[in-house]
Amino acid sequence: LYGGSHGSINPSFDYGGSSGDTNYFVSGDFKHN
């Protein structure tokens, strides 16, 4: 969670992992200011 001046707010996430021979990564964020 990041934010501050100019009414900024920026929640975000990312996650990665693997299962056997398969690997994955996901990310997302929202920004308002």
Full PDB file with SEQRES, HELIX, SHEET, SSBOND, CRYST1, ORIGX, SCALE, CONECT and MASTER records, all heavy atoms in Angstrom:
SEQRES   1 A   33  LEU TYR GLY GLY SER HIS GLY SER ILE ASN PRO SER PHE          
SEQRES   2 A   33  ASP TYR GLY GLY SER SER GLY ASP THR ASN TYR PHE VAL          
SEQRES   3 A   33  SER GLY ASP PHE LYS HIS ASN                                  
SHEET    1 AA1 2 TYR A   2  GLY A   4  0                                        
SHEET    2 AA1 2 SER A   8  ASN A  10 -1                                        
SHEET    1 AA2 2 SER A  12  SER A  19  0                                        
SHEET    2 AA2 2 THR A  22  ASP A  29 -1                                        
CRYST1    1.000    1.000    1.000  90.00  90.00  90.00 P 1           1          
ORIGX1      1.000000  0.000000  0.000000        0.00000                         
ORIGX2      0.000000  1.000000  0.000000        0.00000                         
ORIGX3      0.000000  0.000000  1.000000        0.00000                         
SCALE1      1.000000  0.000000  0.000000        0.00000                         
SCALE2      0.000000  1.000000  0.000000        0.00000                         
SCALE3      0.000000  0.000000  1.000000        0.00000                         
ATOM      1  N   LEU A   1       0.865  -1.175   0.000  1.00  0.00           N  
ATOM      2  CA  LEU A   1       0.000   0.000   0.000  1.00  0.00           C  
ATOM      3  C   LEU A   1       0.900   1.223   0.000  1.00  0.00           C  
ATOM      4  O   LEU A   1       1.775   1.370   0.863  1.00  0.00           O  
ATOM      5  CB  LEU A   1      -0.912   0.025   1.223  1.00  0.00           C  
ATOM      6  CG  LEU A   1      -1.908   1.201   1.286  1.00  0.00           C  
ATOM      7  CD1 LEU A   1      -2.873   1.159   0.106  1.00  0.00           C  
ATOM      8  CD2 LEU A   1      -2.683   1.174   2.598  1.00  0.00           C  
ATOM      9  N   TYR A   2       0.686   2.097  -0.985  1.00  0.00           N  
ATOM     10  CA  TYR A   2       1.550   3.262  -1.181  1.00  0.00           C  
ATOM     11  C   TYR A   2       0.661   4.458  -1.468  1.00  0.00           C  
ATOM     12  O   TYR A   2      -0.362   4.345  -2.150  1.00  0.00           O  
ATOM     13  CB  TYR A   2       2.477   3.003  -2.367  1.00  0.00           C  
ATOM     14  CG  TYR A   2       3.521   4.060  -2.642  1.00  0.00           C  
ATOM     15  CD1 TYR A   2       4.692   4.119  -1.895  1.00  0.00           C  
ATOM     16  CD2 TYR A   2       3.350   4.977  -3.670  1.00  0.00           C  
ATOM     17  CE1 TYR A   2       5.675   5.058  -2.164  1.00  0.00           C  
ATOM     18  CE2 TYR A   2       4.321   5.919  -3.957  1.00  0.00           C  
ATOM     19  CZ  TYR A   2       5.485   5.968  -3.194  1.00  0.00           C  
ATOM     20  OH  TYR A   2       6.443   6.899  -3.472  1.00  0.00           O  
ATOM     21  N   GLY A   3       1.024   5.612  -0.944  1.00  0.00           N  
ATOM     22  CA  GLY A   3       0.216   6.803  -1.210  1.00  0.00           C  
ATOM     23  C   GLY A   3       0.785   8.024  -0.516  1.00  0.00           C  
ATOM     24  O   GLY A   3       1.844   7.984   0.112  1.00  0.00           O  
ATOM     25  N   GLY A   4       0.056   9.143  -0.688  1.00  0.00           N  
ATOM     26  CA  GLY A   4       0.517  10.387  -0.083  1.00  0.00           C  
ATOM     27  C   GLY A   4      -0.078  11.597  -0.757  1.00  0.00           C  
ATOM     28  O   GLY A   4      -1.299  11.692  -0.944  1.00  0.00           O  
ATOM     29  N   SER A   5       0.779  12.523  -1.155  1.00  0.00           N  
ATOM     30  CA  SER A   5       0.347  13.795  -1.720  1.00  0.00           C  
ATOM     31  C   SER A   5      -0.499  13.600  -2.978  1.00  0.00           C  
ATOM     32  O   SER A   5      -0.485  12.544  -3.604  1.00  0.00           O  
ATOM     33  CB  SER A   5       1.568  14.657  -2.046  1.00  0.00           C  
ATOM     34  OG  SER A   5       2.312  14.962  -0.890  1.00  0.00           O  
ATOM     35  N   HIS A   6      -1.220  14.678  -3.342  1.00  0.00           N  
ATOM     36  CA  HIS A   6      -2.087  14.700  -4.522  1.00  0.00           C  
ATOM     37  C   HIS A   6      -3.195  13.650  -4.426  1.00  0.00           C  
ATOM     38  O   HIS A   6      -3.705  13.182  -5.449  1.00  0.00           O  
ATOM     39  CB  HIS A   6      -1.287  14.489  -5.808  1.00  0.00           C  
ATOM     40  CG  HIS A   6      -0.025  15.284  -5.899  1.00  0.00           C  
ATOM     41  ND1 HIS A   6      -0.018  16.669  -5.821  1.00  0.00           N  
ATOM     42  CD2 HIS A   6       1.269  14.903  -6.042  1.00  0.00           C  
ATOM     43  CE1 HIS A   6       1.238  17.089  -5.917  1.00  0.00           C  
ATOM     44  NE2 HIS A   6       2.031  16.046  -6.044  1.00  0.00           N  
ATOM     45  N   GLY A   7      -3.571  13.284  -3.186  1.00  0.00           N  
ATOM     46  CA  GLY A   7      -4.639  12.312  -2.997  1.00  0.00           C  
ATOM     47  C   GLY A   7      -4.303  10.928  -3.495  1.00  0.00           C  
ATOM     48  O   GLY A   7      -5.193  10.151  -3.854  1.00  0.00           O  
ATOM     49  N   SER A   8      -3.006  10.586  -3.507  1.00  0.00           N  
ATOM     50  CA  SER A   8      -2.569   9.320  -4.098  1.00  0.00           C  
ATOM     51  C   SER A   8      -2.824   8.140  -3.178  1.00  0.00           C  
ATOM     52  O   SER A   8      -2.538   8.192  -1.980  1.00  0.00           O  
ATOM     53  CB  SER A   8      -1.071   9.372  -4.425  1.00  0.00           C  
ATOM     54  OG  SER A   8      -0.794  10.371  -5.374  1.00  0.00           O  
ATOM     55  N   ILE A   9      -3.343   7.065  -3.748  1.00  0.00           N  
ATOM     56  CA  ILE A   9      -3.429   5.786  -3.064  1.00  0.00           C  
ATOM     57  C   ILE A   9      -3.206   4.698  -4.102  1.00  0.00           C  
ATOM     58  O   ILE A   9      -3.773   4.734  -5.199  1.00  0.00           O  
ATOM     59  CB  ILE A   9      -4.777   5.605  -2.335  1.00  0.00           C  
ATOM     60  CG1 ILE A   9      -4.771   4.273  -1.578  1.00  0.00           C  
ATOM     61  CG2 ILE A   9      -5.957   5.709  -3.299  1.00  0.00           C  
ATOM     62  CD1 ILE A   9      -5.920   4.124  -0.600  1.00  0.00           C  
ATOM     63  N   ASN A  10      -2.330   3.736  -3.773  1.00  0.00           N  
ATOM     64  CA  ASN A  10      -1.888   2.759  -4.762  1.00  0.00           C  
ATOM     65  C   ASN A  10      -1.698   1.392  -4.104  1.00  0.00           C  
ATOM     66  O   ASN A  10      -0.587   1.028  -3.742  1.00  0.00           O  
ATOM     67  CB  ASN A  10      -0.596   3.254  -5.408  1.00  0.00           C  
ATOM     68  CG  ASN A  10      -0.058   2.364  -6.507  1.00  0.00           C  
ATOM     69  OD1 ASN A  10       1.076   2.494  -6.914  1.00  0.00           O  
ATOM     70  ND2 ASN A  10      -0.865   1.439  -7.008  1.00  0.00           N  
ATOM     71  N   PRO A  11      -2.768   0.601  -3.957  1.00  0.00           N  
ATOM     72  CA  PRO A  11      -2.602  -0.776  -3.478  1.00  0.00           C  
ATOM     73  C   PRO A  11      -2.131  -1.673  -4.616  1.00  0.00           C  
ATOM     74  O   PRO A  11      -2.485  -1.453  -5.788  1.00  0.00           O  
ATOM     75  CB  PRO A  11      -4.011  -1.150  -3.013  1.00  0.00           C  
ATOM     76  CG  PRO A  11      -4.924  -0.303  -3.840  1.00  0.00           C  
ATOM     77  CD  PRO A  11      -4.184   0.982  -4.118  1.00  0.00           C  
ATOM     78  N   SER A  12      -1.344  -2.689  -4.287  1.00  0.00           N  
ATOM     79  CA  SER A  12      -0.822  -3.583  -5.319  1.00  0.00           C  
ATOM     80  C   SER A  12      -0.463  -4.929  -4.719  1.00  0.00           C  
ATOM     81  O   SER A  12      -0.361  -5.080  -3.492  1.00  0.00           O  
ATOM     82  CB  SER A  12       0.407  -2.974  -5.989  1.00  0.00           C  
ATOM     83  OG  SER A  12       1.462  -2.826  -5.046  1.00  0.00           O  
ATOM     84  N   PHE A  13      -0.266  -5.916  -5.601  1.00  0.00           N  
ATOM     85  CA  PHE A  13       0.183  -7.231  -5.164  1.00  0.00           C  
ATOM     86  C   PHE A  13       0.949  -7.896  -6.305  1.00  0.00           C  
ATOM     87  O   PHE A  13       0.791  -7.553  -7.480  1.00  0.00           O  
ATOM     88  CB  PHE A  13      -1.004  -8.121  -4.766  1.00  0.00           C  
ATOM     89  CG  PHE A  13      -1.740  -8.705  -5.950  1.00  0.00           C  
ATOM     90  CD1 PHE A  13      -1.423  -9.963  -6.443  1.00  0.00           C  
ATOM     91  CD2 PHE A  13      -2.735  -7.977  -6.584  1.00  0.00           C  
ATOM     92  CE1 PHE A  13      -2.082 -10.490  -7.544  1.00  0.00           C  
ATOM     93  CE2 PHE A  13      -3.406  -8.500  -7.680  1.00  0.00           C  
ATOM     94  CZ  PHE A  13      -3.078  -9.758  -8.162  1.00  0.00           C  
ATOM     95  N   ASP A  14       1.784  -8.852  -5.971  1.00  0.00           N  
ATOM     96  CA  ASP A  14       2.374  -9.759  -6.953  1.00  0.00           C  
ATOM     97  C   ASP A  14       2.666 -11.081  -6.269  1.00  0.00           C  
ATOM     98  O   ASP A  14       2.910 -11.137  -5.053  1.00  0.00           O  
ATOM     99  CB  ASP A  14       3.628  -9.170  -7.598  1.00  0.00           C  
ATOM    100  CG  ASP A  14       4.746  -8.925  -6.608  1.00  0.00           C  
ATOM    101  OD1 ASP A  14       5.372  -9.898  -6.145  1.00  0.00           O  
ATOM    102  OD2 ASP A  14       4.997  -7.746  -6.285  1.00  0.00           O  
ATOM    103  N   TYR A  15       2.603 -12.159  -7.046  1.00  0.00           N  
ATOM    104  CA  TYR A  15       2.821 -13.482  -6.469  1.00  0.00           C  
ATOM    105  C   TYR A  15       3.311 -14.419  -7.558  1.00  0.00           C  
ATOM    106  O   TYR A  15       2.820 -14.393  -8.689  1.00  0.00           O  
ATOM    107  CB  TYR A  15       1.539 -14.044  -5.851  1.00  0.00           C  
ATOM    108  CG  TYR A  15       1.767 -15.306  -5.048  1.00  0.00           C  
ATOM    109  CD1 TYR A  15       2.212 -15.233  -3.729  1.00  0.00           C  
ATOM    110  CD2 TYR A  15       1.569 -16.562  -5.613  1.00  0.00           C  
ATOM    111  CE1 TYR A  15       2.452 -16.382  -2.991  1.00  0.00           C  
ATOM    112  CE2 TYR A  15       1.805 -17.713  -4.892  1.00  0.00           C  
ATOM    113  CZ  TYR A  15       2.251 -17.616  -3.578  1.00  0.00           C  
ATOM    114  OH  TYR A  15       2.501 -18.759  -2.847  1.00  0.00           O  
ATOM    115  N   GLY A  16       4.277 -15.248  -7.217  1.00  0.00           N  
ATOM    116  CA  GLY A  16       4.799 -16.221  -8.156  1.00  0.00           C  
ATOM    117  C   GLY A  16       5.107 -17.535  -7.483  1.00  0.00           C  
ATOM    118  O   GLY A  16       5.339 -17.597  -6.269  1.00  0.00           O  
ATOM    119  N   GLY A  17       5.119 -18.597  -8.269  1.00  0.00           N  
ATOM    120  CA  GLY A  17       5.424 -19.904  -7.728  1.00  0.00           C  
ATOM    121  C   GLY A  17       5.605 -20.914  -8.832  1.00  0.00           C  
ATOM    122  O   GLY A  17       5.610 -20.585 -10.024  1.00  0.00           O  
ATOM    123  N   SER A  18       5.745 -22.173  -8.452  1.00  0.00           N  
ATOM    124  CA  SER A  18       5.911 -23.238  -9.432  1.00  0.00           C  
ATOM    125  C   SER A  18       5.301 -24.513  -8.888  1.00  0.00           C  
ATOM    126  O   SER A  18       5.174 -24.707  -7.672  1.00  0.00           O  
ATOM    127  CB  SER A  18       7.388 -23.449  -9.756  1.00  0.00           C  
ATOM    128  OG  SER A  18       8.104 -23.845  -8.602  1.00  0.00           O  
ATOM    129  N   SER A  19       4.911 -25.355  -9.827  1.00  0.00           N  
ATOM    130  CA  SER A  19       4.372 -26.666  -9.486  1.00  0.00           C  
ATOM    131  C   SER A  19       4.873 -27.645 -10.534  1.00  0.00           C  
ATOM    132  O   SER A  19       4.458 -27.584 -11.699  1.00  0.00           O  
ATOM    133  CB  SER A  19       2.838 -26.632  -9.469  1.00  0.00           C  
ATOM    134  OG  SER A  19       2.309 -27.930  -9.223  1.00  0.00           O  
ATOM    135  N   GLY A  20       5.818 -28.491 -10.140  1.00  0.00           N  
ATOM    136  CA  GLY A  20       6.412 -29.399 -11.102  1.00  0.00           C  
ATOM    137  C   GLY A  20       7.154 -28.638 -12.177  1.00  0.00           C  
ATOM    138  O   GLY A  20       8.037 -27.812 -11.888  1.00  0.00           O  
ATOM    139  N   ASP A  21       6.784 -28.850 -13.417  1.00  0.00           N  
ATOM    140  CA  ASP A  21       7.440 -28.194 -14.544  1.00  0.00           C  
ATOM    141  C   ASP A  21       6.757 -26.895 -14.953  1.00  0.00           C  
ATOM    142  O   ASP A  21       7.108 -26.313 -15.981  1.00  0.00           O  
ATOM    143  CB  ASP A  21       7.457 -29.133 -15.758  1.00  0.00           C  
ATOM    144  CG  ASP A  21       8.279 -30.392 -15.499  1.00  0.00           C  
ATOM    145  OD1 ASP A  21       9.224 -30.312 -14.696  1.00  0.00           O  
ATOM    146  OD2 ASP A  21       7.967 -31.443 -16.094  1.00  0.00           O  
ATOM    147  N   THR A  22       5.790 -26.448 -14.176  1.00  0.00           N  
ATOM    148  CA  THR A  22       5.011 -25.259 -14.518  1.00  0.00           C  
ATOM    149  C   THR A  22       5.314 -24.123 -13.547  1.00  0.00           C  
ATOM    150  O   THR A  22       5.333 -24.326 -12.325  1.00  0.00           O  
ATOM    151  CB  THR A  22       3.505 -25.573 -14.494  1.00  0.00           C  
ATOM    152  OG1 THR A  22       3.236 -26.627 -15.417  1.00  0.00           O  
ATOM    153  CG2 THR A  22       2.688 -24.347 -14.878  1.00  0.00           C  
ATOM    154  N   ASN A  23       5.571 -22.946 -14.097  1.00  0.00           N  
ATOM    155  CA  ASN A  23       5.880 -21.763 -13.296  1.00  0.00           C  
ATOM    156  C   ASN A  23       4.869 -20.667 -13.617  1.00  0.00           C  
ATOM    157  O   ASN A  23       4.379 -20.578 -14.747  1.00  0.00           O  
ATOM    158  CB  ASN A  23       7.285 -21.261 -13.620  1.00  0.00           C  
ATOM    159  CG  ASN A  23       8.302 -22.373 -13.625  1.00  0.00           C  
ATOM    160  OD1 ASN A  23       8.509 -23.032 -12.617  1.00  0.00           O  
ATOM    161  ND2 ASN A  23       8.928 -22.608 -14.781  1.00  0.00           N  
ATOM    162  N   TYR A  24       4.594 -19.813 -12.652  1.00  0.00           N  
ATOM    163  CA  TYR A  24       3.596 -18.775 -12.869  1.00  0.00           C  
ATOM    164  C   TYR A  24       3.943 -17.526 -12.067  1.00  0.00           C  
ATOM    165  O   TYR A  24       4.656 -17.574 -11.051  1.00  0.00           O  
ATOM    166  CB  TYR A  24       2.200 -19.273 -12.476  1.00  0.00           C  
ATOM    167  CG  TYR A  24       2.082 -19.703 -11.026  1.00  0.00           C  
ATOM    168  CD1 TYR A  24       1.746 -18.791 -10.021  1.00  0.00           C  
ATOM    169  CD2 TYR A  24       2.341 -21.029 -10.664  1.00  0.00           C  
ATOM    170  CE1 TYR A  24       1.661 -19.184  -8.696  1.00  0.00           C  
ATOM    171  CE2 TYR A  24       2.268 -21.430  -9.338  1.00  0.00           C  
ATOM    172  CZ  TYR A  24       1.921 -20.505  -8.352  1.00  0.00           C  
ATOM    173  OH  TYR A  24       1.857 -20.888  -7.038  1.00  0.00           O  
ATOM    174  N   PHE A  25       3.417 -16.392 -12.557  1.00  0.00           N  
ATOM    175  CA  PHE A  25       3.575 -15.115 -11.865  1.00  0.00           C  
ATOM    176  C   PHE A  25       2.376 -14.244 -12.204  1.00  0.00           C  
ATOM    177  O   PHE A  25       1.953 -14.184 -13.367  1.00  0.00           O  
ATOM    178  CB  PHE A  25       4.866 -14.405 -12.299  1.00  0.00           C  
ATOM    179  CG  PHE A  25       5.005 -13.019 -11.737  1.00  0.00           C  
ATOM    180  CD1 PHE A  25       5.457 -12.826 -10.446  1.00  0.00           C  
ATOM    181  CD2 PHE A  25       4.648 -11.910 -12.497  1.00  0.00           C  
ATOM    182  CE1 PHE A  25       5.558 -11.540  -9.918  1.00  0.00           C  
ATOM    183  CE2 PHE A  25       4.751 -10.634 -11.982  1.00  0.00           C  
ATOM    184  CZ  PHE A  25       5.207 -10.449 -10.684  1.00  0.00           C  
ATOM    185  N   VAL A  26       1.821 -13.564 -11.197  1.00  0.00           N  
ATOM    186  CA  VAL A  26       0.695 -12.653 -11.413  1.00  0.00           C  
ATOM    187  C   VAL A  26       0.959 -11.363 -10.646  1.00  0.00           C  
ATOM    188  O   VAL A  26       1.643 -11.358  -9.610  1.00  0.00           O  
ATOM    189  CB  VAL A  26      -0.653 -13.259 -10.965  1.00  0.00           C  
ATOM    190  CG1 VAL A  26      -1.024 -14.456 -11.823  1.00  0.00           C  
ATOM    191  CG2 VAL A  26      -0.600 -13.653  -9.489  1.00  0.00           C  
ATOM    192  N   SER A  27       0.431 -10.263 -11.154  1.00  0.00           N  
ATOM    193  CA  SER A  27       0.540  -8.985 -10.452  1.00  0.00           C  
ATOM    194  C   SER A  27      -0.665  -8.131 -10.790  1.00  0.00           C  
ATOM    195  O   SER A  27      -1.333  -8.323 -11.821  1.00  0.00           O  
ATOM    196  CB  SER A  27       1.831  -8.242 -10.833  1.00  0.00           C  
ATOM    197  OG  SER A  27       1.782  -7.802 -12.179  1.00  0.00           O  
ATOM    198  N   GLY A  28      -0.945  -7.184  -9.918  1.00  0.00           N  
ATOM    199  CA  GLY A  28      -2.054  -6.263 -10.153  1.00  0.00           C  
ATOM    200  C   GLY A  28      -1.908  -5.036  -9.281  1.00  0.00           C  
ATOM    201  O   GLY A  28      -1.289  -5.080  -8.211  1.00  0.00           O  
ATOM    202  N   ASP A  29      -2.450  -3.924  -9.744  1.00  0.00           N  
ATOM    203  CA  ASP A  29      -2.428  -2.716  -8.926  1.00  0.00           C  
ATOM    204  C   ASP A  29      -3.559  -1.789  -9.336  1.00  0.00           C  
ATOM    205  O   ASP A  29      -4.093  -1.867 -10.449  1.00  0.00           O  
ATOM    206  CB  ASP A  29      -1.076  -2.003  -9.017  1.00  0.00           C  
ATOM    207  CG  ASP A  29      -0.775  -1.472 -10.399  1.00  0.00           C  
ATOM    208  OD1 ASP A  29      -1.212  -0.354 -10.702  1.00  0.00           O  
ATOM    209  OD2 ASP A  29      -0.087  -2.169 -11.169  1.00  0.00           O  
ATOM    210  N   PHE A  30      -3.914  -0.914  -8.417  1.00  0.00           N  
ATOM    211  CA  PHE A  30      -4.918   0.119  -8.653  1.00  0.00           C  
ATOM    212  C   PHE A  30      -4.329   1.444  -8.201  1.00  0.00           C  
ATOM    213  O   PHE A  30      -3.627   1.508  -7.180  1.00  0.00           O  
ATOM    214  CB  PHE A  30      -6.200  -0.167  -7.865  1.00  0.00           C  
ATOM    215  CG  PHE A  30      -7.201   0.954  -7.941  1.00  0.00           C  
ATOM    216  CD1 PHE A  30      -8.016   1.104  -9.052  1.00  0.00           C  
ATOM    217  CD2 PHE A  30      -7.309   1.872  -6.902  1.00  0.00           C  
ATOM    218  CE1 PHE A  30      -8.933   2.151  -9.131  1.00  0.00           C  
ATOM    219  CE2 PHE A  30      -8.231   2.920  -6.976  1.00  0.00           C  
ATOM    220  CZ  PHE A  30      -9.034   3.054  -8.091  1.00  0.00           C  
ATOM    221  N   LYS A  31      -4.589   2.478  -8.972  1.00  0.00           N  
ATOM    222  CA  LYS A  31      -4.023   3.785  -8.649  1.00  0.00           C  
ATOM    223  C   LYS A  31      -5.102   4.853  -8.741  1.00  0.00           C  
ATOM    224  O   LYS A  31      -5.842   4.923  -9.729  1.00  0.00           O  
ATOM    225  CB  LYS A  31      -2.874   4.119  -9.601  1.00  0.00           C  
ATOM    226  CG  LYS A  31      -2.232   5.481  -9.363  1.00  0.00           C  
ATOM    227  CD  LYS A  31      -1.041   5.699 -10.282  1.00  0.00           C  
ATOM    228  CE  LYS A  31       0.075   4.740  -9.945  1.00  0.00           C  
ATOM    229  NZ  LYS A  31       1.292   4.979 -10.760  1.00  0.00           N  
ATOM    230  N   HIS A  32      -5.180   5.677  -7.707  1.00  0.00           N  
ATOM    231  CA  HIS A  32      -6.056   6.861  -7.724  1.00  0.00           C  
ATOM    232  C   HIS A  32      -5.248   8.050  -7.242  1.00  0.00           C  
ATOM    233  O   HIS A  32      -4.509   7.959  -6.259  1.00  0.00           O  
ATOM    234  CB  HIS A  32      -7.265   6.675  -6.806  1.00  0.00           C  
ATOM    235  CG  HIS A  32      -8.044   7.957  -6.610  1.00  0.00           C  
ATOM    236  ND1 HIS A  32      -9.048   8.354  -7.471  1.00  0.00           N  
ATOM    237  CD2 HIS A  32      -7.941   8.949  -5.677  1.00  0.00           C  
ATOM    238  CE1 HIS A  32      -9.526   9.526  -7.071  1.00  0.00           C  
ATOM    239  NE2 HIS A  32      -8.868   9.905  -5.993  1.00  0.00           N  
ATOM    240  N   ASN A  33      -5.365   9.177  -7.946  1.00  0.00           N  
ATOM    241  CA  ASN A  33      -4.801  10.423  -7.441  1.00  0.00           C  
ATOM    242  C   ASN A  33      -5.465  11.607  -8.114  1.00  0.00           C  
ATOM    243  O   ASN A  33      -6.278  11.453  -9.034  1.00  0.00           O  
ATOM    244  CB  ASN A  33      -3.270  10.459  -7.597  1.00  0.00           C  
ATOM    245  CG  ASN A  33      -2.817  10.446  -9.038  1.00  0.00           C  
ATOM    246  OD1 ASN A  33      -3.215  11.282  -9.837  1.00  0.00           O  
ATOM    247  ND2 ASN A  33      -1.961   9.483  -9.379  1.00  0.00           N  
TER     248      ASN A  33                                                      
MASTER        0    0    0    0    4    0    0    6  247    1    0    3          
END                                                                             
